[in-house]
Amino acid sequence: MKAFLIFTVLSSLQVMSRRFNTMTKEDVALDRTGIRIMLSETQVLQIVPVSSVTLWRMVKRREFPSPSFITPNKKVWFEDEVAAWQASVTGRIRGRRRTSREREAAAAAITENTPTT
């Protein structure tokens, strides 16, 4: 029954939180055997709050772990890679784009502060 629950979306979240808080005897046994939990795209999207298109853009820009194909039509992500990515997220604030006037002012400020030889 536990194997069935591992592959449901809600239980995969519980498994991730449990792995990082306390490990049971079964978790230790899984770690010793080297078995890695695989997550489908749907399960990853339940953990990472982005759209599927944004997820693929992040993979393409190498901002998110690449999936592995276990069959020609089935892609999965490994839970430990997603968890490592999640731990590395800094929570930085999204910056807005500068207008051309702001870019010109920044370039002028750099030019003014650069000593000439």
Protein backbone atom coordinates (compact mmCIF):
# COMPACT_ATOMS: atom_id res chain seq x y z
CA MET A 1 0.00 0.00 0.00
CA LYS A 2 2.86 2.38 0.77
CA ALA A 3 4.28 1.88 -2.72
CA PHE A 4 0.94 2.98 -4.16
CA LEU A 5 0.84 6.08 -1.97
CA ILE A 6 4.38 7.09 -2.93
CA PHE A 7 3.30 7.63 -6.53
CA THR A 8 0.29 9.79 -5.74
CA VAL A 9 0.82 13.52 -5.79
CA LEU A 10 -0.08 14.22 -2.18
CA SER A 11 1.92 11.38 -0.76
CA SER A 12 4.95 12.31 -2.84
CA LEU A 13 4.93 15.66 -1.06
CA GLN A 14 4.66 13.88 2.28
CA VAL A 15 7.50 11.54 1.36
CA MET A 16 9.71 14.50 0.47
CA SER A 17 9.02 16.29 3.74
CA ARG A 18 9.47 13.07 5.72
CA ARG A 19 12.81 12.31 4.04
CA PHE A 20 14.21 15.63 5.10
CA ASN A 21 12.81 15.58 8.64
CA THR A 22 13.00 12.02 9.92
CA MET A 23 13.85 8.83 8.11
CA THR A 24 12.08 5.56 8.87
CA LYS A 25 13.66 2.11 8.64
CA GLU A 26 12.07 1.67 5.20
CA ASP A 27 13.57 4.96 4.02
CA VAL A 28 17.01 3.90 5.21
CA ALA A 29 16.59 0.56 3.43
CA LEU A 30 15.61 2.37 0.22
CA ASP A 31 18.65 4.63 0.51
CA ARG A 32 20.96 1.63 0.97
CA THR A 33 19.61 -0.08 -2.13
CA GLY A 34 20.01 3.06 -4.21
CA ILE A 35 16.39 3.17 -5.32
CA ARG A 36 15.42 6.67 -6.41
CA ILE A 37 11.82 7.83 -6.43
CA MET A 38 10.60 8.96 -9.84
CA LEU A 39 8.10 11.77 -10.31
CA SER A 40 5.91 12.32 -13.36
CA GLU A 41 5.45 15.77 -14.88
CA THR A 42 2.10 16.08 -13.12
CA GLN A 43 3.71 15.32 -9.76
CA VAL A 44 6.54 17.79 -10.40
CA LEU A 45 3.99 20.48 -11.31
CA GLN A 46 2.24 19.85 -7.98
CA ILE A 47 5.52 20.55 -6.18
CA VAL A 48 6.78 23.42 -8.37
CA PRO A 49 4.08 26.08 -8.85
CA VAL A 50 4.67 26.86 -12.54
CA SER A 51 2.93 25.89 -15.78
CA SER A 52 4.15 23.00 -17.89
CA VAL A 53 5.45 25.45 -20.52
CA THR A 54 7.41 27.40 -17.90
CA LEU A 55 8.83 24.14 -16.55
CA TRP A 56 10.11 23.22 -20.02
CA ARG A 57 11.58 26.70 -20.50
CA MET A 58 13.39 26.32 -17.16
CA VAL A 59 14.74 22.93 -18.27
CA LYS A 60 15.85 24.40 -21.58
CA ARG A 61 17.68 27.26 -19.80
CA ARG A 62 19.20 24.68 -17.40
CA GLU A 63 17.48 26.32 -14.43
CA PHE A 64 15.70 23.06 -13.50
CA PRO A 65 16.88 19.44 -13.61
CA SER A 66 16.38 17.68 -16.93
CA PRO A 67 13.97 14.75 -17.04
CA SER A 68 15.02 11.19 -17.76
CA PHE A 69 13.15 9.10 -20.28
CA ILE A 70 12.40 5.62 -18.96
CA THR A 71 10.56 4.67 -22.16
CA PRO A 72 10.33 6.51 -25.48
CA ASN A 73 7.16 8.28 -24.30
CA LYS A 74 7.56 8.49 -20.53
CA LYS A 75 9.68 11.17 -18.86
CA VAL A 76 10.35 11.36 -15.14
CA TRP A 77 12.30 13.50 -12.71
CA PHE A 78 14.12 12.05 -9.75
CA GLU A 79 12.82 13.24 -6.40
CA ASP A 80 16.29 13.94 -5.00
CA GLU A 81 17.18 16.21 -7.96
CA VAL A 82 13.93 18.18 -7.60
CA ALA A 83 14.52 18.48 -3.84
CA ALA A 84 18.09 19.69 -4.42
CA TRP A 85 16.82 22.30 -6.89
CA GLN A 86 14.16 23.38 -4.42
CA ALA A 87 16.77 23.81 -1.68
CA SER A 88 18.92 25.91 -4.01
CA VAL A 89 16.16 28.40 -4.83
CA THR A 90 17.12 31.70 -3.22
CA GLY A 91 13.74 33.41 -3.39
CA ARG A 92 15.20 36.33 -5.29
CA ILE A 93 12.90 39.13 -6.32
CA ARG A 94 12.05 39.40 -9.98
CA GLY A 95 13.52 42.54 -11.46
CA ARG A 96 11.74 44.67 -13.98
CA ARG A 97 13.25 45.55 -17.30
CA ARG A 98 14.89 48.93 -17.65
CA THR A 99 13.56 51.46 -20.11
CA SER A 100 15.93 52.85 -22.73
CA ARG A 101 16.20 56.09 -20.75
CA GLU A 102 17.22 54.19 -17.59
CA ARG A 103 19.81 52.17 -19.57
CA GLU A 104 21.29 55.36 -21.00
CA ALA A 105 21.45 56.95 -17.54
CA ALA A 106 23.17 53.85 -16.10
CA ALA A 107 25.70 53.81 -18.96
CA ALA A 108 26.39 57.52 -18.44
CA ALA A 109 26.91 56.99 -14.71
CA ILE A 110 29.42 54.22 -15.40
CA THR A 111 31.24 56.40 -17.92
CA GLU A 112 31.41 59.31 -15.45
CA ASN A 113 32.80 57.10 -12.66
CA THR A 114 35.41 55.44 -14.86
CA PRO A 115 38.81 57.13 -14.46
CA THR A 116 40.50 58.09 -17.69
CA THR A 117 44.21 57.43 -18.11
